[in-house]
Amino acid sequence: MPLIALVIAGLALAFEQAIQWKFGPMGLIAFAALTIGVKAKNTMFSSIGAVILVMLLAQSG
């Protein structure tokens, strides 16, 4: 079980770094807001993070 937790944590860190590399600090803020909103079960906070990420994705495409 600890190995699975380490693998998941490593993947989350890699994903976070990829977001920051591609979208800069705003992408990192959006990802953090989405993550915090999901963990806190706060739909407004997670929605704000999701909307910012979608806007960044639409802008780069």
C-alpha atoms as a PDB file:
ATOM      1  CA  MET A   1       0.000   0.000   0.000  1.00  0.00           C
ATOM      2  CA  PRO A   2       2.764   2.569   0.765  1.00  0.00           C
ATOM      3  CA  LEU A   3       4.293   1.879  -2.651  1.00  0.00           C
ATOM      4  CA  ILE A   4       1.035   2.788  -4.381  1.00  0.00           C
ATOM      5  CA  ALA A   5       0.826   6.009  -2.349  1.00  0.00           C
ATOM      6  CA  LEU A   6       4.389   6.929  -3.334  1.00  0.00           C
ATOM      7  CA  VAL A   7       3.690   6.251  -7.001  1.00  0.00           C
ATOM      8  CA  ILE A   8       0.529   8.368  -6.920  1.00  0.00           C
ATOM      9  CA  ALA A   9       2.365  11.204  -5.147  1.00  0.00           C
ATOM     10  CA  GLY A  10       5.137  11.048  -7.735  1.00  0.00           C
ATOM     11  CA  LEU A  11       2.642  11.197 -10.591  1.00  0.00           C
ATOM     12  CA  ALA A  12       0.885  14.161  -8.986  1.00  0.00           C
ATOM     13  CA  LEU A  13       4.190  16.009  -8.650  1.00  0.00           C
ATOM     14  CA  ALA A  14       5.109  15.254 -12.258  1.00  0.00           C
ATOM     15  CA  PHE A  15       1.707  16.464 -13.447  1.00  0.00           C
ATOM     16  CA  GLU A  16       2.039  19.642 -11.385  1.00  0.00           C
ATOM     17  CA  GLN A  17       5.471  20.364 -12.859  1.00  0.00           C
ATOM     18  CA  ALA A  18       4.171  19.770 -16.398  1.00  0.00           C
ATOM     19  CA  ILE A  19       1.304  22.205 -15.781  1.00  0.00           C
ATOM     20  CA  GLN A  20       3.697  24.828 -14.442  1.00  0.00           C
ATOM     21  CA  TRP A  21       6.110  24.339 -17.353  1.00  0.00           C
ATOM     22  CA  LYS A  22       3.400  24.650 -20.005  1.00  0.00           C
ATOM     23  CA  PHE A  23       1.095  27.276 -18.461  1.00  0.00           C
ATOM     24  CA  GLY A  24       3.326  29.099 -15.996  1.00  0.00           C
ATOM     25  CA  PRO A  25       2.315  30.339 -12.576  1.00  0.00           C
ATOM     26  CA  MET A  26      -1.348  30.796 -13.532  1.00  0.00           C
ATOM     27  CA  GLY A  27      -1.591  27.109 -14.418  1.00  0.00           C
ATOM     28  CA  LEU A  28      -0.062  26.194 -11.081  1.00  0.00           C
ATOM     29  CA  ILE A  29      -2.528  28.421  -9.231  1.00  0.00           C
ATOM     30  CA  ALA A  30      -5.455  26.915 -11.160  1.00  0.00           C
ATOM     31  CA  PHE A  31      -4.279  23.362 -10.480  1.00  0.00           C
ATOM     32  CA  ALA A  32      -3.812  24.151  -6.790  1.00  0.00           C
ATOM     33  CA  ALA A  33      -7.295  25.691  -6.577  1.00  0.00           C
ATOM     34  CA  LEU A  34      -8.797  22.658  -8.288  1.00  0.00           C
ATOM     35  CA  THR A  35      -6.966  20.252  -5.987  1.00  0.00           C
ATOM     36  CA  ILE A  36      -7.805  22.151  -2.809  1.00  0.00           C
ATOM     37  CA  GLY A  37     -11.435  22.477  -3.871  1.00  0.00           C
ATOM     38  CA  VAL A  38     -11.773  18.755  -4.508  1.00  0.00           C
ATOM     39  CA  LYS A  39     -10.090  17.787  -1.227  1.00  0.00           C
ATOM     40  CA  ALA A  40     -12.170  20.282   0.764  1.00  0.00           C
ATOM     41  CA  LYS A  41     -15.340  19.325  -1.146  1.00  0.00           C
ATOM     42  CA  ASN A  42     -15.814  22.991  -2.016  1.00  0.00           C
ATOM     43  CA  THR A  43     -17.474  23.134  -5.429  1.00  0.00           C
ATOM     44  CA  MET A  44     -16.952  26.863  -5.928  1.00  0.00           C
ATOM     45  CA  PHE A  45     -13.203  26.667  -5.373  1.00  0.00           C
ATOM     46  CA  SER A  46     -12.774  23.597  -7.570  1.00  0.00           C
ATOM     47  CA  SER A  47     -14.945  25.161 -10.281  1.00  0.00           C
ATOM     48  CA  ILE A  48     -12.797  28.287 -10.329  1.00  0.00           C
ATOM     49  CA  GLY A  49      -9.666  26.178 -10.748  1.00  0.00           C
ATOM     50  CA  ALA A  50     -11.271  24.084 -13.483  1.00  0.00           C
ATOM     51  CA  VAL A  51     -12.477  27.146 -15.400  1.00  0.00           C
ATOM     52  CA  ILE A  52      -9.033  28.748 -15.285  1.00  0.00           C
ATOM     53  CA  LEU A  53      -7.417  25.530 -16.533  1.00  0.00           C
ATOM     54  CA  VAL A  54      -9.947  25.263 -19.378  1.00  0.00           C
ATOM     55  CA  MET A  55      -9.294  28.886 -20.348  1.00  0.00           C
ATOM     56  CA  LEU A  56      -5.545  28.250 -20.401  1.00  0.00           C
ATOM     57  CA  LEU A  57      -6.041  25.116 -22.501  1.00  0.00           C
ATOM     58  CA  ALA A  58      -8.308  26.948 -24.957  1.00  0.00           C
ATOM     59  CA  GLN A  59      -5.818  29.796 -25.242  1.00  0.00           C
ATOM     60  CA  SER A  60      -2.884  27.499 -26.050  1.00  0.00           C
ATOM     61  CA  GLY A  61      -4.836  25.429 -28.610  1.00  0.00           C
END
